[in-house]
Each structure stands twice: as structure tokens, then as C-alpha cells.
Amino acid sequence: MKLHLDRLDGRNSFTGYGAGYVSVNGRRHETSLVVFPDRLIDPWPVASFDQLVEPALDFLAPLPLEIVLVGTGQTMQMLHPRHYRRLSEARIGVEVMDTSAACRTYNILLAEGRKVAAALVVA
């Protein structure tokens, strides 16, 4: 599916997604990644939901974020709160959803000017 924002302003946004990939600013990514408005972490060394354990998200805790969207792959899977404990302690909201929903939600929050990151399992 292709996605479009009215204005990009040089920020990273999702322009498409499908089975086994997401596109950021028109560039296809087939490995898990973390997307911020101003940069990418690609690849992110979390290749599957099973690898999404507590330390996987800890590096985001000291960053100036309001919310982290966690995309769990093609299906939404529950993530135990201990896996994002440091984010909660840093008062950063965490929303867990399937990766395609995380892409759509990220674009909406980005357009609202929110401090958002998307940590996505792409499988």
C-alpha cells in the first residue's frame, strides 16, 4: 500500500508498506528499523518479535520523545510491559501494534508535530 503526506518538510515518513517491507521517503527497507523524523537506524538488530526483549528498546529512553510506536510484524502481538519499562520510567508513551498500523500512526503523529519514533519488526 502506498501512503502520502501533504507536506514532508524533509522529515522521514512512510510512503508504503507491504509483506516483508516498508518504504521511507520512497526507499524500500526489508529489515527491521527504527524511524525518527530526522534519522533512521537501519538495520535494527531485532529480526523477529521473539527478539523484542527488554534491552531492545532501552536505547530510546534518554531521547526527547513523546511516544514510541512498536510494530510487531504482520500481526499485532502483545509486548510485556517489562520490555519497555525504561521508556515508561522516562515518561515516554509506548503503543504496540502491527507494523502496517505503526506506519500509518507514525505519519499521523509526525504531521501533528509530535516527537515520535517507530521501532518496526519487518519480516
C-alpha atoms as a PDB file:
ATOM      1  CA  MET A   1       0.000   0.000   0.000  1.00  0.00           C
ATOM      2  CA  LYS A   2       1.259   3.488  -0.807  1.00  0.00           C
ATOM      3  CA  LEU A   3       0.904   6.330   1.673  1.00  0.00           C
ATOM      4  CA  HIS A   4       1.213  10.064   1.069  1.00  0.00           C
ATOM      5  CA  LEU A   5       1.589  13.076   3.342  1.00  0.00           C
ATOM      6  CA  ASP A   6       0.612  16.566   2.217  1.00  0.00           C
ATOM      7  CA  ARG A   7       3.972  18.010   3.366  1.00  0.00           C
ATOM      8  CA  LEU A   8       7.187  16.192   4.162  1.00  0.00           C
ATOM      9  CA  ASP A   9       9.400  19.158   5.142  1.00  0.00           C
ATOM     10  CA  GLY A  10      12.489  16.945   4.924  1.00  0.00           C
ATOM     11  CA  ARG A  11      11.243  14.618   7.661  1.00  0.00           C
ATOM     12  CA  ASN A  12      11.176  10.853   7.379  1.00  0.00           C
ATOM     13  CA  SER A  13       7.736   9.478   6.644  1.00  0.00           C
ATOM     14  CA  PHE A  14       6.360   6.172   5.461  1.00  0.00           C
ATOM     15  CA  THR A  15       5.441   6.150   1.799  1.00  0.00           C
ATOM     16  CA  GLY A  16       4.440   2.488   1.570  1.00  0.00           C
ATOM     17  CA  TYR A  17       4.400  -0.898   3.244  1.00  0.00           C
ATOM     18  CA  GLY A  18       3.597  -4.490   2.460  1.00  0.00           C
ATOM     19  CA  ALA A  19       4.560  -8.058   3.254  1.00  0.00           C
ATOM     20  CA  GLY A  20       8.234  -8.006   4.178  1.00  0.00           C
ATOM     21  CA  TYR A  21       8.974  -4.318   3.597  1.00  0.00           C
ATOM     22  CA  VAL A  22       8.276  -0.706   4.476  1.00  0.00           C
ATOM     23  CA  SER A  23       9.185   2.351   2.412  1.00  0.00           C
ATOM     24  CA  VAL A  24      10.536   5.524   3.995  1.00  0.00           C
ATOM     25  CA  ASN A  25      10.670   8.576   1.730  1.00  0.00           C
ATOM     26  CA  GLY A  26      10.287   6.249  -1.248  1.00  0.00           C
ATOM     27  CA  ARG A  27      13.176   3.970  -0.232  1.00  0.00           C
ATOM     28  CA  ARG A  28      12.314   0.334   0.399  1.00  0.00           C
ATOM     29  CA  HIS A  29      13.550  -1.342   3.624  1.00  0.00           C
ATOM     30  CA  GLU A  30      13.338  -5.104   4.060  1.00  0.00           C
ATOM     31  CA  THR A  31      14.945  -5.341   7.500  1.00  0.00           C
ATOM     32  CA  SER A  32      13.742  -4.159  10.882  1.00  0.00           C
ATOM     33  CA  LEU A  33      14.447  -0.494  11.527  1.00  0.00           C
ATOM     34  CA  VAL A  34      13.777   2.453  13.817  1.00  0.00           C
ATOM     35  CA  VAL A  35      12.458   5.617  12.182  1.00  0.00           C
ATOM     36  CA  PHE A  36      12.738   9.088  13.681  1.00  0.00           C
ATOM     37  CA  PRO A  37      11.652  12.279  11.920  1.00  0.00           C
ATOM     38  CA  ASP A  38      15.309  13.185  11.274  1.00  0.00           C
ATOM     39  CA  ARG A  39      17.158   9.849  11.028  1.00  0.00           C
ATOM     40  CA  LEU A  40      16.950   6.077  10.671  1.00  0.00           C
ATOM     41  CA  ILE A  41      18.542   3.160  12.442  1.00  0.00           C
ATOM     42  CA  ASP A  42      18.750   0.599   9.659  1.00  0.00           C
ATOM     43  CA  PRO A  43      19.105  -2.216  10.247  1.00  0.00           C
ATOM     44  CA  TRP A  44      17.797  -2.511  13.783  1.00  0.00           C
ATOM     45  CA  PRO A  45      19.067  -5.837  15.177  1.00  0.00           C
ATOM     46  CA  VAL A  46      15.601  -7.148  16.067  1.00  0.00           C
ATOM     47  CA  ALA A  47      14.719  -9.527  13.245  1.00  0.00           C
ATOM     48  CA  SER A  48      11.585 -11.031  14.818  1.00  0.00           C
ATOM     49  CA  PHE A  49       9.061 -10.428  17.567  1.00  0.00           C
ATOM     50  CA  ASP A  50      10.838 -13.015  19.736  1.00  0.00           C
ATOM     51  CA  GLN A  51      13.931 -10.789  19.774  1.00  0.00           C
ATOM     52  CA  LEU A  52      11.927  -7.819  21.055  1.00  0.00           C
ATOM     53  CA  VAL A  53      13.120  -8.240  24.646  1.00  0.00           C
ATOM     54  CA  GLU A  54      13.766  -5.630  27.340  1.00  0.00           C
ATOM     55  CA  PRO A  55      17.124  -4.214  26.160  1.00  0.00           C
ATOM     56  CA  ALA A  56      15.915  -3.848  22.552  1.00  0.00           C
ATOM     57  CA  LEU A  57      14.061  -0.592  23.297  1.00  0.00           C
ATOM     58  CA  ASP A  58      16.156   0.734  26.191  1.00  0.00           C
ATOM     59  CA  PHE A  59      18.351   2.928  23.957  1.00  0.00           C
ATOM     60  CA  LEU A  60      15.299   5.100  23.214  1.00  0.00           C
ATOM     61  CA  ALA A  61      14.702   6.065  26.865  1.00  0.00           C
ATOM     62  CA  PRO A  62      17.145   9.020  27.054  1.00  0.00           C
ATOM     63  CA  LEU A  63      15.899  10.555  23.789  1.00  0.00           C
ATOM     64  CA  PRO A  64      13.495  13.530  23.664  1.00  0.00           C
ATOM     65  CA  LEU A  65      10.460  11.507  22.572  1.00  0.00           C
ATOM     66  CA  GLU A  66       6.784  11.668  23.450  1.00  0.00           C
ATOM     67  CA  ILE A  67       5.824   8.292  22.046  1.00  0.00           C
ATOM     68  CA  VAL A  68       7.370   5.155  20.575  1.00  0.00           C
ATOM     69  CA  LEU A  69       5.313   3.026  18.225  1.00  0.00           C
ATOM     70  CA  VAL A  70       6.365  -0.611  18.247  1.00  0.00           C
ATOM     71  CA  GLY A  71       5.450  -2.550  15.117  1.00  0.00           C
ATOM     72  CA  THR A  72       5.417  -6.275  15.895  1.00  0.00           C
ATOM     73  CA  GLY A  73       5.371  -7.580  12.310  1.00  0.00           C
ATOM     74  CA  GLN A  74       2.469  -8.633  10.118  1.00  0.00           C
ATOM     75  CA  THR A  75       0.254  -9.366  13.121  1.00  0.00           C
ATOM     76  CA  MET A  76      -0.212  -7.478  16.353  1.00  0.00           C
ATOM     77  CA  GLN A  77       1.343  -9.287  19.296  1.00  0.00           C
ATOM     78  CA  MET A  78       1.266  -8.313  22.940  1.00  0.00           C
ATOM     79  CA  LEU A  79       4.505  -6.985  24.396  1.00  0.00           C
ATOM     80  CA  HIS A  80       5.012  -7.438  28.126  1.00  0.00           C
ATOM     81  CA  PRO A  81       5.420  -4.069  29.938  1.00  0.00           C
ATOM     82  CA  ARG A  82       8.801  -5.157  31.315  1.00  0.00           C
ATOM     83  CA  HIS A  83      10.150  -4.928  27.741  1.00  0.00           C
ATOM     84  CA  TYR A  84       9.506  -1.176  27.643  1.00  0.00           C
ATOM     85  CA  ARG A  85       9.920  -0.418  31.353  1.00  0.00           C
ATOM     86  CA  ARG A  86      12.737   2.107  30.809  1.00  0.00           C
ATOM     87  CA  LEU A  87      10.602   4.022  28.322  1.00  0.00           C
ATOM     88  CA  SER A  88       7.741   4.176  30.811  1.00  0.00           C
ATOM     89  CA  GLU A  89      10.112   5.350  33.537  1.00  0.00           C
ATOM     90  CA  ALA A  90      11.295   8.108  31.168  1.00  0.00           C
ATOM     91  CA  ARG A  91       7.641   9.134  30.655  1.00  0.00           C
ATOM     92  CA  ILE A  92       7.676   8.116  27.005  1.00  0.00           C
ATOM     93  CA  GLY A  93       4.421   6.582  25.801  1.00  0.00           C
ATOM     94  CA  VAL A  94       4.537   3.197  24.081  1.00  0.00           C
ATOM     95  CA  GLU A  95       1.948   1.865  21.669  1.00  0.00           C
ATOM     96  CA  VAL A  96       2.253  -1.677  20.345  1.00  0.00           C
ATOM     97  CA  MET A  97       0.560  -2.621  17.062  1.00  0.00           C
ATOM     98  CA  ASP A  98       1.228  -4.467  13.834  1.00  0.00           C
ATOM     99  CA  THR A  99       3.868  -2.862  11.623  1.00  0.00           C
ATOM    100  CA  SER A 100       1.466  -1.512   8.983  1.00  0.00           C
ATOM    101  CA  ALA A 101      -0.640   0.212  11.662  1.00  0.00           C
ATOM    102  CA  ALA A 102       2.550   1.645  13.196  1.00  0.00           C
ATOM    103  CA  CYS A 103       3.495   3.147   9.803  1.00  0.00           C
ATOM    104  CA  ARG A 104       0.099   4.834   9.428  1.00  0.00           C
ATOM    105  CA  THR A 105       0.045   6.072  13.033  1.00  0.00           C
ATOM    106  CA  TYR A 106       3.602   7.415  12.781  1.00  0.00           C
ATOM    107  CA  ASN A 107       2.659   9.527   9.751  1.00  0.00           C
ATOM    108  CA  ILE A 108      -0.342  10.988  11.571  1.00  0.00           C
ATOM    109  CA  LEU A 109       1.693  11.848  14.671  1.00  0.00           C
ATOM    110  CA  LEU A 110       4.501  13.257  12.513  1.00  0.00           C
ATOM    111  CA  ALA A 111       2.020  15.523  10.714  1.00  0.00           C
ATOM    112  CA  GLU A 112       0.829  16.739  14.143  1.00  0.00           C
ATOM    113  CA  GLY A 113       4.400  17.708  15.030  1.00  0.00           C
ATOM    114  CA  ARG A 114       4.731  15.091  17.765  1.00  0.00           C
ATOM    115  CA  LYS A 115       8.113  13.727  18.921  1.00  0.00           C
ATOM    116  CA  VAL A 116       7.636  10.195  17.646  1.00  0.00           C
ATOM    117  CA  ALA A 117       9.734   7.170  16.769  1.00  0.00           C
ATOM    118  CA  ALA A 118       8.677   3.903  15.156  1.00  0.00           C
ATOM    119  CA  ALA A 119      10.566   0.721  16.064  1.00  0.00           C
ATOM    120  CA  LEU A 120       9.467  -1.806  13.471  1.00  0.00           C
ATOM    121  CA  VAL A 121       9.902  -5.520  13.046  1.00  0.00           C
ATOM    122  CA  VAL A 122       9.868  -6.062   9.295  1.00  0.00           C
ATOM    123  CA  ALA A 123       9.508  -9.727   8.427  1.00  0.00           C
END
